[in-house]
């Protein structure tokens, strides 16, 4: 079993994250995104347009999953996290994400 520190170090090395949301019919939807802009405790911060399909889905159903993986030459390693997604629209938070 991997430690939390090992998992966080692994996640921070990845350039891509897969974000899972739930559509109106209850089906899972996945999307590849750039790695989180910020990780703070158990919170992962991503940025996207508020008009995106994923944002609309999270506003209706906050259930989410994140998947990070590394495909090595002989070994495939991945971590999936589940929780809820909150859509932040605060301008101060948005400005801090760009920095």
N, C-alpha and C. Protein backbone atom coordinates (compact mmCIF):
# COMPACT_ATOMS: atom_id res chain seq x y z
N UNK A 1 0.83 -1.18 0.00
CA UNK A 1 0.00 0.00 0.00
C UNK A 1 0.88 1.25 0.00
N UNK A 2 0.53 2.20 -0.81
CA UNK A 2 1.31 3.43 -0.92
C UNK A 2 0.88 4.42 0.16
N UNK A 3 1.82 5.25 0.57
CA UNK A 3 1.51 6.28 1.56
C UNK A 3 0.90 7.50 0.87
N UNK A 4 0.25 8.33 1.66
CA UNK A 4 -0.32 9.57 1.13
C UNK A 4 0.77 10.42 0.47
N UNK A 5 1.92 10.50 1.10
CA UNK A 5 3.02 11.29 0.55
C UNK A 5 3.43 10.76 -0.82
N UNK A 6 3.55 9.45 -0.95
CA UNK A 6 3.91 8.84 -2.23
C UNK A 6 2.86 9.18 -3.28
N UNK A 7 1.58 9.07 -2.91
CA UNK A 7 0.51 9.36 -3.86
C UNK A 7 0.54 10.83 -4.30
N UNK A 8 0.75 11.74 -3.36
CA UNK A 8 0.78 13.17 -3.72
C UNK A 8 1.98 13.49 -4.60
N UNK A 9 3.12 12.90 -4.33
CA UNK A 9 4.30 13.10 -5.18
C UNK A 9 4.04 12.57 -6.58
N UNK A 10 3.40 11.41 -6.67
CA UNK A 10 3.05 10.83 -7.96
C UNK A 10 2.12 11.76 -8.73
N UNK A 11 1.06 12.24 -8.08
CA UNK A 11 0.08 13.12 -8.71
C UNK A 11 0.74 14.39 -9.22
N UNK A 12 1.62 14.98 -8.42
CA UNK A 12 2.25 16.25 -8.79
C UNK A 12 3.19 16.11 -9.99
N UNK A 13 3.63 14.91 -10.31
CA UNK A 13 4.50 14.69 -11.46
C UNK A 13 3.73 14.56 -12.78
N UNK A 14 2.42 14.33 -12.69
CA UNK A 14 1.64 14.07 -13.90
C UNK A 14 1.23 15.36 -14.59
N UNK A 15 1.21 15.34 -15.90
CA UNK A 15 0.84 16.51 -16.69
C UNK A 15 -0.64 16.51 -17.08
N UNK A 16 -1.28 15.34 -16.96
CA UNK A 16 -2.67 15.19 -17.37
C UNK A 16 -3.47 14.53 -16.25
N UNK A 17 -4.70 14.97 -16.11
CA UNK A 17 -5.65 14.35 -15.18
C UNK A 17 -6.91 14.02 -15.95
N UNK A 18 -7.55 12.94 -15.58
CA UNK A 18 -8.84 12.61 -16.16
C UNK A 18 -9.89 12.94 -15.11
N UNK A 19 -10.88 13.71 -15.52
CA UNK A 19 -11.93 14.17 -14.63
C UNK A 19 -13.21 13.42 -14.99
N UNK A 20 -13.85 12.83 -14.00
CA UNK A 20 -15.10 12.12 -14.22
C UNK A 20 -16.27 12.87 -13.63
N UNK A 21 -17.32 13.02 -14.42
CA UNK A 21 -18.55 13.66 -13.96
C UNK A 21 -19.70 12.72 -14.30
N UNK A 22 -20.91 13.10 -13.88
CA UNK A 22 -22.10 12.30 -14.14
C UNK A 22 -23.07 13.14 -14.96
N UNK A 23 -23.55 12.58 -16.09
CA UNK A 23 -24.47 13.36 -16.93
C UNK A 23 -25.90 13.26 -16.40
N UNK A 24 -26.82 13.93 -17.07
CA UNK A 24 -28.22 14.00 -16.62
C UNK A 24 -28.91 12.63 -16.59
N UNK A 25 -28.41 11.69 -17.37
CA UNK A 25 -29.00 10.35 -17.40
C UNK A 25 -28.29 9.39 -16.46
N UNK A 26 -27.31 9.89 -15.71
CA UNK A 26 -26.61 9.06 -14.73
C UNK A 26 -25.39 8.33 -15.26
N UNK A 27 -24.99 8.63 -16.50
CA UNK A 27 -23.82 7.97 -17.08
C UNK A 27 -22.54 8.72 -16.74
N UNK A 28 -21.45 7.96 -16.53
CA UNK A 28 -20.17 8.62 -16.27
C UNK A 28 -19.63 9.26 -17.54
N UNK A 29 -19.02 10.43 -17.40
CA UNK A 29 -18.37 11.15 -18.49
C UNK A 29 -16.94 11.44 -18.06
N UNK A 30 -15.98 11.17 -18.94
CA UNK A 30 -14.57 11.44 -18.63
C UNK A 30 -14.02 12.49 -19.58
N UNK A 31 -13.09 13.26 -19.06
CA UNK A 31 -12.43 14.27 -19.88
C UNK A 31 -10.99 14.40 -19.41
N UNK A 32 -10.07 14.45 -20.36
CA UNK A 32 -8.67 14.70 -20.04
C UNK A 32 -8.48 16.21 -19.87
N UNK A 33 -7.76 16.58 -18.85
CA UNK A 33 -7.47 18.00 -18.60
C UNK A 33 -6.01 18.13 -18.20
N UNK A 34 -5.52 19.36 -18.27
CA UNK A 34 -4.19 19.61 -17.73
C UNK A 34 -4.21 19.33 -16.24
N UNK A 35 -3.06 19.05 -15.69
CA UNK A 35 -2.93 18.77 -14.26
C UNK A 35 -3.53 19.92 -13.44
N UNK A 36 -3.86 19.67 -12.19
CA UNK A 36 -4.43 20.74 -11.36
C UNK A 36 -3.49 21.94 -11.29
N UNK A 37 -4.07 23.11 -11.30
CA UNK A 37 -3.27 24.34 -11.16
C UNK A 37 -2.72 24.47 -9.75
N UNK A 38 -3.46 23.90 -8.81
CA UNK A 38 -3.07 24.02 -7.40
C UNK A 38 -3.62 22.82 -6.65
N UNK A 39 -2.83 22.33 -5.69
CA UNK A 39 -3.28 21.29 -4.79
C UNK A 39 -3.07 21.82 -3.37
N UNK A 40 -4.13 21.80 -2.59
CA UNK A 40 -4.07 22.34 -1.24
C UNK A 40 -4.81 21.38 -0.32
N UNK A 41 -4.08 20.63 0.49
CA UNK A 41 -4.71 19.63 1.35
C UNK A 41 -5.36 18.56 0.49
N UNK A 42 -6.65 18.36 0.67
CA UNK A 42 -7.40 17.38 -0.11
C UNK A 42 -8.13 18.03 -1.28
N UNK A 43 -7.82 19.28 -1.58
CA UNK A 43 -8.50 20.00 -2.66
C UNK A 43 -7.59 20.14 -3.87
N UNK A 44 -8.17 19.85 -5.03
CA UNK A 44 -7.47 19.96 -6.31
C UNK A 44 -8.18 21.04 -7.11
N UNK A 45 -7.44 22.02 -7.60
CA UNK A 45 -8.03 23.14 -8.32
C UNK A 45 -7.69 23.05 -9.80
N UNK A 46 -8.73 23.02 -10.62
CA UNK A 46 -8.60 22.99 -12.07
C UNK A 46 -9.23 24.25 -12.62
N UNK A 47 -8.89 24.61 -13.84
CA UNK A 47 -9.55 25.75 -14.45
C UNK A 47 -10.10 25.35 -15.82
N UNK A 48 -11.28 25.89 -16.10
CA UNK A 48 -11.94 25.66 -17.38
C UNK A 48 -12.98 26.77 -17.55
N UNK A 49 -13.57 26.85 -18.71
CA UNK A 49 -14.61 27.85 -18.93
C UNK A 49 -15.87 27.46 -18.18
N UNK A 50 -16.52 28.44 -17.58
CA UNK A 50 -17.74 28.14 -16.83
C UNK A 50 -18.88 27.68 -17.74
N UNK A 51 -18.74 27.90 -19.03
CA UNK A 51 -19.77 27.46 -19.97
C UNK A 51 -19.55 26.02 -20.44
N UNK A 52 -18.49 25.38 -19.98
CA UNK A 52 -18.19 24.03 -20.45
C UNK A 52 -19.22 23.01 -19.97
N UNK A 53 -19.35 21.93 -20.70
CA UNK A 53 -20.28 20.86 -20.35
C UNK A 53 -19.98 20.31 -18.97
N UNK A 54 -18.71 20.10 -18.66
CA UNK A 54 -18.32 19.52 -17.38
C UNK A 54 -18.78 20.41 -16.23
N UNK A 55 -18.61 21.70 -16.35
CA UNK A 55 -19.03 22.62 -15.29
C UNK A 55 -20.54 22.52 -15.08
N UNK A 56 -21.28 22.48 -16.17
CA UNK A 56 -22.73 22.36 -16.06
C UNK A 56 -23.12 21.06 -15.36
N UNK A 57 -22.42 19.98 -15.68
CA UNK A 57 -22.71 18.70 -15.03
C UNK A 57 -22.39 18.76 -13.53
N UNK A 58 -21.26 19.35 -13.16
CA UNK A 58 -20.90 19.42 -11.74
C UNK A 58 -21.85 20.32 -10.96
N UNK A 59 -22.39 21.33 -11.60
CA UNK A 59 -23.34 22.20 -10.90
C UNK A 59 -24.65 21.45 -10.61
N UNK A 60 -24.99 20.48 -11.45
CA UNK A 60 -26.21 19.68 -11.23
C UNK A 60 -25.96 18.47 -10.33
N UNK A 61 -24.76 17.90 -10.43
CA UNK A 61 -24.41 16.72 -9.65
C UNK A 61 -22.92 16.80 -9.32
N UNK A 62 -22.57 17.10 -8.08
CA UNK A 62 -21.15 17.33 -7.73
C UNK A 62 -20.29 16.06 -7.60
N UNK A 63 -20.87 14.88 -7.78
CA UNK A 63 -20.06 13.66 -7.67
C UNK A 63 -18.98 13.66 -8.75
N UNK A 64 -17.75 13.33 -8.34
CA UNK A 64 -16.62 13.42 -9.27
C UNK A 64 -15.58 12.35 -8.99
N UNK A 65 -14.77 12.10 -9.99
CA UNK A 65 -13.58 11.28 -9.80
C UNK A 65 -12.43 11.93 -10.55
N UNK A 66 -11.23 11.69 -10.04
CA UNK A 66 -10.00 12.14 -10.69
C UNK A 66 -9.14 10.91 -10.90
N UNK A 67 -8.48 10.85 -12.04
CA UNK A 67 -7.59 9.73 -12.31
C UNK A 67 -6.29 10.27 -12.87
N UNK A 68 -5.20 9.86 -12.26
CA UNK A 68 -3.86 10.23 -12.70
C UNK A 68 -3.13 8.94 -13.02
N UNK A 69 -2.34 8.94 -14.09
CA UNK A 69 -1.62 7.71 -14.41
C UNK A 69 -0.25 8.02 -15.02
N UNK A 70 0.59 7.02 -14.94
CA UNK A 70 1.90 7.07 -15.57
C UNK A 70 2.11 5.73 -16.28
N UNK A 71 2.31 5.80 -17.56
CA UNK A 71 2.57 4.60 -18.34
C UNK A 71 4.06 4.51 -18.59
N UNK A 72 4.69 3.68 -17.81
CA UNK A 72 6.12 3.48 -17.97
C UNK A 72 6.40 2.44 -19.04
N UNK A 73 7.64 2.14 -19.23
CA UNK A 73 8.02 1.17 -20.26
C UNK A 73 7.52 -0.24 -19.93
N UNK A 74 7.60 -0.60 -18.65
CA UNK A 74 7.19 -1.94 -18.25
C UNK A 74 6.11 -1.94 -17.16
N UNK A 75 5.74 -0.78 -16.70
CA UNK A 75 4.83 -0.71 -15.57
C UNK A 75 3.82 0.43 -15.79
N UNK A 76 2.58 0.16 -15.46
CA UNK A 76 1.51 1.14 -15.54
C UNK A 76 1.05 1.40 -14.12
N UNK A 77 1.04 2.66 -13.71
CA UNK A 77 0.64 3.01 -12.36
C UNK A 77 -0.42 4.09 -12.42
N UNK A 78 -1.49 3.95 -11.65
CA UNK A 78 -2.55 4.95 -11.65
C UNK A 78 -3.16 5.12 -10.28
N UNK A 79 -3.76 6.28 -10.07
CA UNK A 79 -4.44 6.58 -8.81
C UNK A 79 -5.79 7.21 -9.16
N UNK A 80 -6.85 6.66 -8.56
CA UNK A 80 -8.17 7.25 -8.74
C UNK A 80 -8.65 7.78 -7.40
N UNK A 81 -9.17 9.00 -7.43
CA UNK A 81 -9.74 9.63 -6.25
C UNK A 81 -11.21 9.91 -6.52
N UNK A 82 -12.05 9.79 -5.51
CA UNK A 82 -13.46 10.13 -5.67
C UNK A 82 -13.84 11.16 -4.62
N UNK A 83 -14.84 11.95 -4.95
CA UNK A 83 -15.31 12.97 -4.02
C UNK A 83 -16.33 13.84 -4.70
N UNK A 84 -16.34 15.10 -4.33
CA UNK A 84 -17.27 16.05 -4.93
C UNK A 84 -16.51 17.23 -5.52
N UNK A 85 -17.09 17.81 -6.55
CA UNK A 85 -16.50 18.95 -7.24
C UNK A 85 -17.33 20.18 -6.92
N UNK A 86 -16.66 21.24 -6.55
CA UNK A 86 -17.33 22.51 -6.31
C UNK A 86 -16.90 23.48 -7.41
N UNK A 87 -17.84 24.14 -8.03
CA UNK A 87 -17.52 25.12 -9.07
C UNK A 87 -17.34 26.47 -8.38
N UNK A 88 -16.11 26.97 -8.39
CA UNK A 88 -15.81 28.25 -7.75
C UNK A 88 -15.90 29.36 -8.78
N UNK A 89 -16.61 30.42 -8.44
CA UNK A 89 -16.77 31.53 -9.37
C UNK A 89 -16.28 32.85 -8.78
N UNK A 90 -15.62 32.78 -7.64
CA UNK A 90 -15.10 33.96 -6.97
C UNK A 90 -13.93 34.56 -7.77
N UNK A 91 -13.99 35.84 -8.06
CA UNK A 91 -12.97 36.51 -8.88
C UNK A 91 -11.59 36.48 -8.23
N UNK A 92 -11.51 36.64 -6.91
CA UNK A 92 -10.22 36.61 -6.23
C UNK A 92 -9.56 35.24 -6.37
N UNK A 93 -10.35 34.19 -6.24
CA UNK A 93 -9.82 32.83 -6.40
C UNK A 93 -9.32 32.65 -7.83
N UNK A 94 -10.09 33.11 -8.81
CA UNK A 94 -9.68 32.99 -10.22
C UNK A 94 -8.35 33.70 -10.46
N UNK A 95 -8.21 34.90 -9.93
CA UNK A 95 -6.95 35.64 -10.12
C UNK A 95 -5.78 34.90 -9.50
N UNK A 96 -5.98 34.33 -8.30
CA UNK A 96 -4.91 33.60 -7.64
C UNK A 96 -4.53 32.33 -8.38
N UNK A 97 -5.44 31.75 -9.13
CA UNK A 97 -5.15 30.54 -9.89
C UNK A 97 -4.21 30.82 -11.06
N UNK A 98 -4.29 32.01 -11.61
CA UNK A 98 -3.47 32.37 -12.76
C UNK A 98 -2.02 32.56 -12.36
N UNK A 99 -1.79 32.98 -11.14
CA UNK A 99 -0.41 33.26 -10.68
C UNK A 99 0.42 32.02 -10.58
